[in-house]
Protein backbone atom coordinates (compact mmCIF):
# COMPACT_ATOMS: atom_id res chain seq x y z
CA MET A 1 -105.10 51.30 -16.14
CA HIS A 2 -107.73 52.17 -13.54
CA HIS A 3 -111.36 51.29 -14.06
CA ILE A 4 -113.91 53.62 -12.54
CA THR A 5 -117.68 53.39 -12.57
CA GLU A 6 -119.50 56.66 -12.05
CA ASP A 7 -123.05 57.92 -12.51
CA ILE A 8 -122.84 60.10 -15.63
CA VAL A 9 -125.64 62.46 -14.51
CA SER A 10 -123.70 63.45 -11.38
CA MET A 11 -120.45 64.10 -13.25
CA VAL A 12 -121.41 67.67 -14.19
CA ASN A 13 -123.61 70.14 -12.30
CA TYR A 14 -125.88 72.97 -13.38
CA ASP A 15 -124.80 76.58 -12.93
CA ASP A 16 -127.25 79.50 -12.99
CA LYS A 17 -124.82 81.73 -14.90
CA ASN A 18 -122.95 79.50 -17.36
CA VAL A 19 -123.19 76.27 -19.31
CA GLN A 20 -120.95 73.71 -17.58
CA SER A 21 -118.91 70.98 -19.24
CA ARG A 22 -116.54 68.15 -18.39
CA ILE A 23 -114.29 66.34 -20.84
CA LEU A 24 -114.65 62.59 -20.35
CA ALA A 25 -112.16 61.45 -23.01
CA LYS A 26 -109.96 63.11 -25.60
CA ASN A 27 -107.32 62.22 -28.17
CA ASP A 28 -106.17 63.71 -31.49
CA ASN A 29 -109.43 63.25 -33.38
CA ASN A 30 -112.03 62.23 -30.81
CA LEU A 31 -113.70 63.97 -27.88
CA ALA A 32 -116.42 62.97 -25.43
CA ILE A 33 -117.77 65.90 -23.44
CA LEU A 34 -120.58 66.02 -20.89
CA ILE A 35 -122.53 69.29 -20.79
CA ALA A 36 -125.05 70.69 -18.29
CA ILE A 37 -127.22 73.45 -19.76
CA LYS A 38 -130.00 75.04 -17.74
CA LYS A 39 -133.38 76.01 -19.14
CA ASN A 40 -133.02 79.16 -21.30
CA GLN A 41 -129.21 78.99 -21.44
CA MET A 42 -127.55 78.91 -24.85
CA MET A 43 -124.19 77.73 -26.09
CA ALA A 44 -122.75 80.34 -28.44
CA GLU A 45 -122.61 79.57 -32.16
CA HIS A 46 -119.73 77.22 -32.94
CA THR A 47 -118.67 74.31 -35.17
CA SER A 48 -117.17 70.87 -34.66
CA PRO A 49 -113.97 70.01 -36.57
CA VAL A 50 -115.27 66.46 -37.16
CA ASP A 51 -118.65 64.72 -37.44
CA ALA A 52 -120.31 64.28 -34.05
CA PHE A 53 -123.41 63.19 -32.21
CA LEU A 54 -125.32 64.64 -29.30
CA TYR A 55 -127.19 62.38 -26.86
CA VAL A 56 -129.67 63.89 -24.40
CA ILE A 57 -129.28 62.18 -21.02
CA GLU A 58 -131.95 64.32 -19.34
CA GLY A 59 -134.07 67.29 -20.34
CA GLU A 60 -134.62 68.70 -23.81
CA VAL A 61 -132.52 70.95 -26.05
CA GLU A 62 -133.00 72.88 -29.25
CA PHE A 63 -130.20 72.36 -31.78
CA LYS A 64 -130.14 75.06 -34.45
CA VAL A 65 -128.04 74.64 -37.61
CA TYR A 66 -127.08 77.73 -39.60
CA ASN A 67 -126.35 76.82 -43.23
CA GLU A 68 -128.07 77.86 -46.48
CA LYS A 69 -131.28 77.77 -44.49
CA THR A 70 -131.62 77.72 -40.72
CA GLU A 71 -132.94 74.43 -39.36
CA THR A 72 -134.10 73.81 -35.79
CA PHE A 73 -134.28 70.38 -34.15
CA GLU A 74 -135.78 69.56 -30.76
CA ILE A 75 -133.92 66.70 -29.10
CA LYS A 76 -135.49 65.05 -26.05
CA LYS A 77 -134.28 62.76 -23.29
CA GLY A 78 -133.10 59.46 -24.72
CA GLU A 79 -132.71 60.81 -28.27
CA ILE A 80 -129.51 61.02 -30.29
CA PHE A 81 -128.74 63.58 -33.01
CA TYR A 82 -125.93 63.33 -35.58
CA PHE A 83 -124.39 66.43 -37.13
CA GLU A 84 -121.63 67.05 -39.64
CA LYS A 85 -118.30 68.77 -39.20
CA GLU A 86 -118.06 72.50 -39.80
CA GLU A 87 -121.85 73.06 -39.45
CA LYS A 88 -122.42 76.30 -37.55
CA HIS A 89 -124.83 75.59 -34.70
CA THR A 90 -126.13 76.63 -31.29
CA VAL A 91 -127.61 74.58 -28.47
CA PHE A 92 -130.40 76.03 -26.32
CA GLY A 93 -131.80 74.51 -23.12
CA LYS A 94 -135.57 74.03 -23.45
CA LYS A 95 -135.40 72.38 -20.01
CA ASP A 96 -132.55 71.80 -17.57
CA SER A 97 -130.56 69.30 -19.63
CA LYS A 98 -127.48 67.13 -19.54
CA ILE A 99 -126.08 66.07 -22.87
CA LEU A 100 -123.18 63.96 -24.07
CA VAL A 101 -121.40 65.14 -27.22
CA VAL A 102 -119.04 62.75 -28.96
CA ARG A 103 -116.82 63.91 -31.82
CA MET A 104 -115.80 61.01 -34.04
């Protein structure tokens, strides 16, 4: 096994046209993905197959959940947000942001 230390912020770069992502770890049930989302970019509505959390490394995002009623959460640098499997949601960049999503 190789051990590598890397600055997480530099592991994914912003793109003016598209949200960028990099898978850091993956197995059958778990996924750790690093995402760079520029201000005013949005990730299309989607769900997670398992419970997950989102940690904002830099910036600020808006996490919108679409269930019986639509709920909007603003998540800022240093904050963590847990969400349940199969919840329809979008992520919108309120600022240039880098986030870590971990499916558990």
